[in-house]
Amino acid sequence: MGLEKKIQSNQGVQVISRAAEILRVLKQDNSGLSLGQIAERVHLPRSTVQRIVNALLAERLVMSASAEGGLRLGSEIQSLAAAGRVNMAEVVHPVLMDLAKRTKETVDLAVFRDDHMVFVDQVVGTHRLRTVSAVGEVFPMTDTANGKAALALMEDDKVVALAAQELKSNGGTLRPLSDFLKEIEDIRVSGLAWDLGEHTEGISAAGFAFQDHVGLIYAISVPVPANRFGGLKDLLAERLLEAREDVLRLV
């Protein structure tokens, strides 16, 4: 009886694994795939795929793509995804708090959206002279620490497209694209990005970026009034790299 239960358990795990693989295939091509196409991509007999798909259809995890046939991810997938969505601001807020406490400076969390960075959380520093931006405020990519850090996590073609467009809109002659791309390479090596008074005169910043489990890019940055940035730069780099390790363990 013990052996029989073990065999049944292994078979159940195998079915779940195969169902997950079918769902991943549909995620990659959600325009609609036939049973034959699915079977070919998951390397399983069509009859096996048919049985698993029937179960997925019953649970609304898979649905018909059109009247002509084909299958795609079902409505229940969206509900499950929404329920499992992580509020990244809540997850990393303790890191922001600790970084602000250790530096006494304001710490910001921003997320990449479309072609810009949007602030989604902030811990205000304790210095009387400090930098503060509103949550929801939009910032550019090429002259901010958070924007540069986010770009460094992207593929080269996307970096070129975003940077070229923004640099051109800013006049195009202020900074060559080739020079900016070299800075992105340096950020990929060091893990840190810098804004030396480029975005706002009198304010410099440093930051790093990371991705969550679904691929969204976030950045944590510390803006500092220029009159004390020079003396803080090395310590700030050290604290940011420590915070980066903390974040990577969380996400």
Protein backbone atom coordinates (compact mmCIF):
# COMPACT_ATOMS: atom_id res chain seq x y z
CA MET A 1 0.00 0.00 0.00
CA GLY A 2 2.88 2.33 0.79
CA LEU A 3 4.42 1.77 -2.64
CA GLU A 4 1.06 2.33 -4.34
CA LYS A 5 0.57 5.65 -2.57
CA LYS A 6 4.08 6.72 -3.52
CA ILE A 7 3.42 5.90 -7.19
CA GLN A 8 0.14 7.84 -7.13
CA SER A 9 1.89 10.79 -5.50
CA ASN A 10 4.62 10.82 -8.15
CA GLN A 11 2.02 10.65 -10.90
CA GLY A 12 0.15 13.60 -9.38
CA VAL A 13 3.32 15.69 -9.25
CA GLN A 14 4.06 14.79 -12.87
CA VAL A 15 0.60 15.92 -13.99
CA ILE A 16 1.03 19.24 -12.20
CA SER A 17 4.43 19.70 -13.80
CA ARG A 18 3.03 18.98 -17.25
CA ALA A 19 0.07 21.31 -16.72
CA ALA A 20 2.46 24.08 -15.66
CA GLU A 21 4.54 23.53 -18.80
CA ILE A 22 1.42 23.80 -20.98
CA LEU A 23 0.48 27.07 -19.28
CA ARG A 24 3.99 28.45 -19.85
CA VAL A 25 3.79 27.56 -23.54
CA LEU A 26 0.47 29.41 -23.82
CA LYS A 27 1.98 32.38 -21.99
CA GLN A 28 4.74 32.60 -24.58
CA ASP A 29 2.25 32.57 -27.47
CA ASN A 30 -1.14 33.63 -26.19
CA SER A 31 -2.64 34.31 -29.62
CA GLY A 32 -3.98 30.76 -29.66
CA LEU A 33 -2.38 27.34 -30.13
CA SER A 34 -3.88 24.07 -31.31
CA LEU A 35 -3.57 20.85 -29.33
CA GLY A 36 -1.05 19.62 -31.87
CA GLN A 37 1.08 22.75 -31.51
CA ILE A 38 1.01 22.48 -27.72
CA ALA A 39 1.90 18.78 -27.83
CA GLU A 40 4.84 19.50 -30.12
CA ARG A 41 6.21 22.25 -27.88
CA VAL A 42 5.90 20.33 -24.60
CA HIS A 43 7.06 17.05 -26.19
CA LEU A 44 4.06 15.03 -25.03
CA PRO A 45 1.53 12.81 -26.85
CA ARG A 46 -1.51 14.68 -28.10
CA SER A 47 -3.79 12.40 -26.02
CA THR A 48 -1.93 13.35 -22.83
CA VAL A 49 -2.17 17.04 -23.67
CA GLN A 50 -5.88 16.64 -24.40
CA ARG A 51 -6.56 15.18 -20.94
CA ILE A 52 -4.61 17.93 -19.17
CA VAL A 53 -6.16 20.69 -21.26
CA ASN A 54 -9.67 19.39 -20.52
CA ALA A 55 -8.94 19.74 -16.80
CA LEU A 56 -7.50 23.24 -17.32
CA LEU A 57 -10.57 24.23 -19.32
CA ALA A 58 -12.84 23.06 -16.50
CA GLU A 59 -10.93 25.29 -14.06
CA ARG A 60 -10.95 28.27 -16.50
CA LEU A 61 -7.16 28.29 -16.54
CA VAL A 62 -7.38 27.78 -20.30
CA MET A 63 -10.01 29.02 -22.77
CA SER A 64 -10.77 28.91 -26.48
CA ALA A 65 -8.90 31.58 -28.40
CA SER A 66 -11.62 31.96 -31.07
CA ALA A 67 -14.56 30.23 -32.68
CA GLU A 68 -12.15 28.73 -35.21
CA GLY A 69 -10.28 26.89 -32.47
CA GLY A 70 -7.04 27.23 -30.62
CA LEU A 71 -6.37 27.68 -26.92
CA ARG A 72 -5.08 30.52 -24.79
CA LEU A 73 -4.72 31.37 -21.11
CA GLY A 74 -8.06 31.65 -19.33
CA SER A 75 -9.61 34.34 -17.15
CA GLU A 76 -8.78 32.54 -13.91
CA ILE A 77 -5.07 33.06 -14.61
CA GLN A 78 -5.54 36.83 -14.36
CA SER A 79 -7.37 36.46 -11.04
CA LEU A 80 -4.58 34.29 -9.65
CA ALA A 81 -1.94 36.73 -10.88
CA ALA A 82 -3.72 39.67 -9.27
CA ALA A 83 -4.04 37.80 -5.97
CA GLY A 84 -0.35 36.91 -6.01
CA ARG A 85 0.93 40.34 -7.03
CA VAL A 86 3.55 41.64 -4.63
CA ASN A 87 3.49 45.24 -3.39
CA MET A 88 7.18 45.96 -3.87
CA ALA A 89 6.96 49.21 -1.91
CA GLU A 90 5.88 47.23 1.16
CA VAL A 91 8.53 44.56 0.63
CA VAL A 92 11.52 46.90 0.41
CA HIS A 93 10.27 49.70 2.70
CA PRO A 94 12.31 48.36 5.66
CA VAL A 95 15.43 48.64 3.48
CA LEU A 96 14.56 52.25 2.68
CA MET A 97 14.04 52.95 6.38
CA ASP A 98 17.38 51.42 7.34
CA LEU A 99 19.23 53.25 4.56
CA ALA A 100 17.68 56.58 5.57
CA LYS A 101 18.62 55.95 9.21
CA ARG A 102 22.22 55.09 8.37
CA THR A 103 22.77 58.00 5.98
CA LYS A 104 20.32 60.55 7.49
CA GLU A 105 19.38 61.31 3.88
CA THR A 106 16.12 60.95 1.97
CA VAL A 107 15.71 57.58 0.23
CA ASP A 108 13.42 57.09 -2.79
CA LEU A 109 11.90 54.05 -4.51
CA ALA A 110 10.92 54.42 -8.17
CA VAL A 111 9.54 52.04 -10.79
CA PHE A 112 10.16 52.11 -14.55
CA ARG A 113 7.03 52.77 -16.62
CA ASP A 114 6.99 53.27 -20.39
CA ASP A 115 9.89 55.72 -20.81
CA HIS A 116 10.31 57.27 -17.36
CA MET A 117 10.66 56.58 -13.64
CA VAL A 118 7.79 57.08 -11.21
CA PHE A 119 8.35 57.54 -7.48
CA VAL A 120 6.29 55.05 -5.47
CA ASP A 121 7.75 55.37 -1.96
CA GLN A 122 10.00 57.64 0.05
CA VAL A 123 11.59 57.90 3.49
CA VAL A 124 12.51 61.50 4.32
CA GLY A 125 15.96 62.19 5.78
CA THR A 126 16.59 63.83 9.13
CA HIS A 127 18.88 66.67 7.98
CA ARG A 128 17.30 70.12 8.18
CA LEU A 129 18.48 70.73 4.61
CA ARG A 130 17.18 67.74 2.64
CA THR A 131 15.72 66.81 -0.72
CA VAL A 132 12.10 65.70 -0.99
CA SER A 133 10.05 64.71 -4.05
CA ALA A 134 6.39 63.74 -4.12
CA VAL A 135 5.33 60.12 -4.51
CA GLY A 136 3.88 59.83 -8.02
CA GLU A 137 6.29 62.36 -9.47
CA VAL A 138 7.80 61.42 -12.85
CA PHE A 139 11.54 61.58 -13.57
CA PRO A 140 13.57 61.12 -16.78
CA MET A 141 15.97 58.28 -17.50
CA THR A 142 19.25 59.78 -18.69
CA ASP A 143 20.07 62.42 -16.08
CA THR A 144 18.84 60.75 -12.87
CA ALA A 145 20.53 58.08 -10.76
CA ASN A 146 17.41 55.91 -10.66
CA GLY A 147 16.84 56.24 -14.41
CA LYS A 148 20.41 55.34 -15.31
CA ALA A 149 20.40 52.39 -12.90
CA ALA A 150 17.17 51.10 -14.45
CA LEU A 151 18.56 51.43 -17.98
CA ALA A 152 21.61 49.40 -16.98
CA LEU A 153 19.32 46.39 -16.40
CA MET A 154 17.81 46.57 -19.89
CA GLU A 155 18.91 45.08 -23.19
CA ASP A 156 21.22 47.28 -25.28
CA ASP A 157 18.68 47.93 -28.03
CA LYS A 158 16.12 49.21 -25.52
CA VAL A 159 18.72 51.37 -23.82
CA VAL A 160 19.67 52.93 -27.14
CA ALA A 161 16.04 53.57 -28.11
CA LEU A 162 15.09 55.19 -24.80
CA ALA A 163 18.32 57.16 -24.35
CA ALA A 164 18.51 58.41 -27.93
CA GLN A 165 14.94 59.70 -27.80
CA GLU A 166 15.41 61.46 -24.47
CA LEU A 167 18.81 62.95 -25.29
CA LYS A 168 17.43 64.23 -28.59
CA SER A 169 14.45 65.85 -26.87
CA ASN A 170 16.87 67.55 -24.49
CA GLY A 171 18.76 69.17 -27.33
CA GLY A 172 20.88 66.29 -28.51
CA THR A 173 24.13 68.22 -28.39
CA LEU A 174 24.47 68.31 -24.60
CA ARG A 175 25.77 64.74 -24.45
CA PRO A 176 26.68 62.23 -27.19
CA LEU A 177 24.81 58.94 -27.07
CA SER A 178 28.10 57.01 -27.21
CA ASP A 179 29.28 58.75 -24.05
CA PHE A 180 26.06 57.92 -22.25
CA LEU A 181 26.23 54.25 -23.29
CA LYS A 182 29.74 54.05 -21.84
CA GLU A 183 28.36 55.26 -18.52
CA ILE A 184 25.68 52.54 -18.64
CA GLU A 185 28.41 49.93 -19.09
CA ASP A 186 30.22 51.32 -16.04
CA ILE A 187 27.00 51.07 -14.01
CA ARG A 188 26.59 47.43 -15.00
CA VAL A 189 30.05 46.74 -13.62
CA SER A 190 29.80 48.73 -10.38
CA GLY A 191 26.08 48.24 -9.67
CA LEU A 192 25.68 51.94 -8.85
CA ALA A 193 24.49 54.93 -10.87
CA TRP A 194 25.26 58.60 -10.20
CA ASP A 195 23.58 61.92 -10.91
CA LEU A 196 26.16 64.65 -10.29
CA GLY A 197 23.88 67.65 -10.40
CA GLU A 198 22.61 66.72 -13.87
CA HIS A 199 18.88 66.62 -13.22
CA THR A 200 18.59 69.42 -10.67
CA GLU A 201 21.28 71.99 -9.99
CA GLY A 202 22.51 71.76 -6.43
CA ILE A 203 21.37 68.15 -5.91
CA SER A 204 23.34 64.98 -6.60
CA ALA A 205 22.24 61.39 -6.15
CA ALA A 206 23.32 57.77 -6.23
CA GLY A 207 21.24 54.65 -6.70
CA PHE A 208 20.86 51.06 -7.83
CA ALA A 209 18.17 49.11 -9.64
CA PHE A 210 16.66 45.63 -9.35
CA GLN A 211 13.93 43.51 -10.94
CA ASP A 212 11.01 41.79 -9.24
CA HIS A 213 9.80 38.27 -10.00
CA VAL A 214 7.71 39.43 -12.98
CA GLY A 215 10.42 41.58 -14.53
CA LEU A 216 9.39 45.07 -13.38
CA ILE A 217 12.40 47.31 -12.84
CA TYR A 218 12.69 49.36 -9.64
CA ALA A 219 15.40 51.70 -8.40
CA ILE A 220 16.38 52.93 -4.96
CA SER A 221 18.20 56.25 -4.89
CA VAL A 222 19.52 58.74 -2.34
CA PRO A 223 19.44 62.42 -3.37
CA VAL A 224 21.77 64.72 -1.43
CA PRO A 225 22.31 68.50 -1.47
CA ALA A 226 25.53 69.16 -3.36
CA ASN A 227 27.20 70.99 -0.46
CA ARG A 228 27.59 67.73 1.50
CA PHE A 229 27.55 65.16 -1.31
CA GLY A 230 31.32 65.13 -1.89
CA GLY A 231 32.12 64.18 1.70
CA LEU A 232 29.39 61.54 1.74
CA LYS A 233 30.01 59.90 -1.64
CA ASP A 234 32.21 56.97 -0.55
CA LEU A 235 30.06 56.13 2.48
CA LEU A 236 26.93 56.44 0.35
CA ALA A 237 28.30 53.97 -2.19
CA GLU A 238 29.09 51.51 0.60
CA ARG A 239 25.64 51.83 2.18
CA LEU A 240 23.86 51.51 -1.17
CA LEU A 241 25.73 48.33 -2.09
CA GLU A 242 24.78 46.86 1.31
CA ALA A 243 21.16 47.84 0.70
CA ARG A 244 21.34 46.28 -2.73
CA GLU A 245 22.33 42.95 -1.19
CA ASP A 246 19.44 43.23 1.28
CA VAL A 247 16.97 43.90 -1.54
CA LEU A 248 18.22 41.03 -3.70
CA ARG A 249 17.69 38.66 -0.77
CA LEU A 250 14.10 39.91 -0.42
CA VAL A 251 13.09 39.75 -4.09
